Amino acid sequence: MDPYYVTEEVASSQRNTQSARKPVAGTIPFVGANKAFGLPYAYPNTPEGYEAAGAGLVSPLTATKAHIEAGMEIYTKMCSQCHGEEGKGDGALSRNGHIAGIPSYSDKLKDLPVGKMYHTLTYGKGLMGSHASQLSQKDRWLVIEYIKVLQQGGEMPEFDDAGNVVESAADGAMAMNN
């Protein structure tokens, strides 16, 4: 055997199986505290996948003050340019005429389920492109926690001493759409 021979092919026994090789140095395994945000995303980028995500996908997060505030920070950086600070579709790109017809979270998108929001952030929809390369799975869910506040008019819910949302008897506060 030639010691300088380099093959460009993977051994046939390894082509379609998981490998027992060590991970590449510097990579981070996707486990631990974030295992609820595991890959792969099970819904295809089709109209049927969008509807299925809306019917079956629920957030792995609970509505807490920390989650909503983290979502608000991400939303402000990543979403407000188009959707506006209050989610009314009046962000800077909309106001200057670059993008028209961005719907309001408290109006047209008031009852949009979290699964459809997540699907849209993952794949994009209409003029909105995918944000999967800009936002981790957890960050997408954090943004959705804040969007749920915008769907209710933008007023922050009440929190208990532990930072959990206090459910309102009238509307179920943050449990909606989940």
Protein backbone atom coordinates (compact mmCIF):
# COMPACT_ATOMS: atom_id res chain seq x y z
CA MET A 1 0.00 0.00 0.00
CA ASP A 2 1.25 3.45 -0.90
CA PRO A 3 1.63 5.55 2.33
CA TYR A 4 1.01 8.75 0.34
CA TYR A 5 -2.21 7.57 -1.22
CA VAL A 6 -5.12 9.82 -0.20
CA THR A 7 -8.64 8.84 -1.04
CA GLU A 8 -11.39 11.42 -1.52
CA GLU A 9 -14.12 8.91 -0.78
CA VAL A 10 -15.67 7.85 2.49
CA ALA A 11 -15.55 4.13 3.14
CA SER A 12 -18.71 2.47 1.88
CA SER A 13 -19.51 1.21 5.39
CA GLN A 14 -19.60 4.82 6.65
CA ARG A 15 -21.55 6.52 3.89
CA ASN A 16 -25.00 6.32 5.44
CA THR A 17 -24.26 5.69 9.10
CA GLN A 18 -23.28 7.73 12.10
CA SER A 19 -19.58 7.76 12.63
CA ALA A 20 -17.72 6.96 15.81
CA ARG A 21 -15.14 9.58 14.96
CA LYS A 22 -14.34 12.31 17.46
CA PRO A 23 -15.91 15.71 16.74
CA VAL A 24 -13.75 18.29 15.04
CA ALA A 25 -11.74 20.36 17.52
CA GLY A 26 -13.51 23.61 18.40
CA THR A 27 -17.01 22.36 17.63
CA ILE A 28 -19.77 22.49 20.20
CA PRO A 29 -22.15 19.54 20.57
CA PHE A 30 -25.83 20.42 20.49
CA VAL A 31 -26.87 18.90 23.85
CA GLY A 32 -27.26 19.75 27.49
CA ALA A 33 -29.47 22.62 28.56
CA ASN A 34 -30.51 23.28 24.95
CA LYS A 35 -31.57 19.73 24.09
CA ALA A 36 -35.19 20.91 23.78
CA PHE A 37 -34.07 22.91 20.75
CA GLY A 38 -32.73 19.85 18.96
CA LEU A 39 -32.26 19.32 15.29
CA PRO A 40 -33.61 18.54 12.78
CA TYR A 41 -36.67 20.73 12.38
CA ALA A 42 -39.42 18.27 11.48
CA TYR A 43 -41.62 20.45 9.25
CA PRO A 44 -40.83 20.86 5.54
CA ASN A 45 -40.76 24.20 3.75
CA THR A 46 -44.14 23.70 2.11
CA PRO A 47 -47.63 25.15 2.64
CA GLU A 48 -48.55 21.84 4.30
CA GLY A 49 -45.49 22.10 6.58
CA TYR A 50 -46.51 25.64 7.54
CA GLU A 51 -50.02 24.50 8.47
CA ALA A 52 -48.72 21.42 10.31
CA ALA A 53 -46.29 23.55 12.33
CA GLY A 54 -49.16 25.88 13.23
CA ALA A 55 -51.25 22.97 14.44
CA GLY A 56 -48.60 20.92 16.21
CA LEU A 57 -45.52 22.93 17.15
CA VAL A 58 -45.39 24.41 20.65
CA SER A 59 -42.69 26.43 22.35
CA PRO A 60 -40.29 24.55 24.62
CA LEU A 61 -40.01 27.76 26.68
CA THR A 62 -42.27 28.98 29.44
CA ALA A 63 -43.28 32.62 29.55
CA THR A 64 -40.98 34.26 32.08
CA LYS A 65 -39.78 37.80 32.55
CA ALA A 66 -36.26 36.76 31.54
CA HIS A 67 -37.46 35.05 28.34
CA ILE A 68 -39.69 37.95 27.31
CA GLU A 69 -36.99 40.53 27.99
CA ALA A 70 -34.40 38.48 26.07
CA GLY A 71 -36.89 38.14 23.21
CA MET A 72 -37.51 41.89 23.25
CA GLU A 73 -33.77 42.56 22.96
CA ILE A 74 -33.42 40.20 20.00
CA TYR A 75 -36.61 41.56 18.39
CA THR A 76 -35.31 45.13 18.67
CA LYS A 77 -32.06 44.18 16.94
CA MET A 78 -33.39 41.76 14.34
CA CYS A 79 -37.06 42.50 13.65
CA SER A 80 -37.97 46.10 14.43
CA GLN A 81 -36.45 47.47 11.22
CA CYS A 82 -39.33 45.95 9.30
CA HIS A 83 -42.01 45.16 11.89
CA GLY A 84 -41.56 48.32 14.00
CA GLU A 85 -40.84 48.64 17.69
CA GLU A 86 -44.46 47.90 18.61
CA GLY A 87 -44.98 45.22 15.95
CA LYS A 88 -47.35 47.34 13.87
CA GLY A 89 -45.55 46.79 10.56
CA ASP A 90 -44.20 50.34 10.58
CA GLY A 91 -40.45 49.82 10.87
CA ALA A 92 -37.89 52.03 9.15
CA LEU A 93 -37.83 49.90 5.99
CA SER A 94 -41.59 50.09 5.75
CA ARG A 95 -41.76 53.84 6.43
CA ASN A 96 -39.20 54.71 3.77
CA GLY A 97 -41.05 52.68 1.15
CA HIS A 98 -38.59 49.82 0.70
CA ILE A 99 -41.05 47.19 1.93
CA ALA A 100 -44.83 47.55 1.97
CA GLY A 101 -47.60 45.50 3.51
CA ILE A 102 -45.92 44.23 6.68
CA PRO A 103 -48.78 43.01 8.87
CA SER A 104 -49.34 44.11 12.47
CA TYR A 105 -48.99 41.57 15.28
CA SER A 106 -51.89 43.11 17.18
CA ASP A 107 -54.15 43.18 14.13
CA LYS A 108 -53.73 40.77 11.19
CA LEU A 109 -51.35 38.46 13.06
CA LYS A 110 -53.07 38.64 16.45
CA ASP A 111 -54.10 34.98 16.42
CA LEU A 112 -51.09 33.55 14.55
CA PRO A 113 -50.00 30.35 16.34
CA VAL A 114 -46.45 30.10 17.64
CA GLY A 115 -45.75 27.14 15.34
CA LYS A 116 -46.44 29.27 12.27
CA MET A 117 -44.24 32.05 13.67
CA TYR A 118 -41.39 29.60 14.24
CA HIS A 119 -41.84 28.12 10.77
CA THR A 120 -41.71 31.62 9.24
CA LEU A 121 -38.56 32.53 11.18
CA THR A 122 -36.98 29.26 10.06
CA TYR A 123 -37.90 29.30 6.35
CA GLY A 124 -39.26 32.77 5.64
CA LYS A 125 -42.66 33.59 4.15
CA GLY A 126 -43.71 36.08 1.51
CA LEU A 127 -41.22 38.96 1.45
CA MET A 128 -39.66 37.90 4.75
CA GLY A 129 -36.60 35.75 4.30
CA SER A 130 -35.38 32.97 6.55
CA HIS A 131 -33.72 34.03 9.79
CA ALA A 132 -32.41 30.54 10.60
CA SER A 133 -28.82 31.58 9.88
CA GLN A 134 -29.10 34.70 12.05
CA LEU A 135 -31.07 33.33 15.00
CA SER A 136 -30.47 30.09 16.89
CA GLN A 137 -33.45 27.88 17.58
CA LYS A 138 -33.59 29.18 21.15
CA ASP A 139 -33.38 32.80 19.97
CA ARG A 140 -36.31 32.21 17.61
CA TRP A 141 -38.42 30.96 20.51
CA LEU A 142 -37.33 33.92 22.66
CA VAL A 143 -38.43 36.34 19.94
CA ILE A 144 -41.76 34.54 19.75
CA GLU A 145 -42.24 34.95 23.52
CA TYR A 146 -41.95 38.70 22.98
CA ILE A 147 -44.15 38.67 19.86
CA LYS A 148 -46.87 37.06 22.00
CA VAL A 149 -46.74 40.24 24.13
CA LEU A 150 -47.07 42.37 20.97
CA GLN A 151 -50.06 40.27 19.88
CA GLN A 152 -51.78 41.34 23.09
CA GLY A 153 -51.19 45.04 22.43
CA GLY A 154 -47.61 45.33 23.68
CA GLU A 155 -48.31 45.69 27.38
CA MET A 156 -46.02 43.52 29.46
CA PRO A 157 -47.86 40.91 31.53
CA GLU A 158 -47.72 40.74 35.31
CA PHE A 159 -45.00 38.57 36.84
CA ASP A 160 -44.85 36.79 40.17
CA ASP A 161 -41.82 37.00 42.48
CA ALA A 162 -40.11 34.17 40.60
CA GLY A 163 -40.44 36.00 37.26
CA ASN A 164 -43.19 33.76 35.87
CA VAL A 165 -46.15 35.25 34.05
CA VAL A 166 -49.25 35.54 36.22
CA GLU A 167 -52.11 34.08 34.21
CA SER A 168 -55.04 36.41 33.65
CA ALA A 169 -58.45 34.84 34.17
CA ALA A 170 -59.81 36.88 31.25
CA ASP A 171 -57.52 35.76 28.47
CA GLY A 172 -54.99 33.23 29.70
CA ALA A 173 -52.28 35.90 29.29
CA MET A 174 -49.19 34.33 27.78
CA ALA A 175 -50.58 30.82 27.33
CA MET A 176 -52.36 31.85 24.14
CA ASN A 177 -51.28 30.31 20.86
CA ASN A 178 -49.06 27.76 22.58
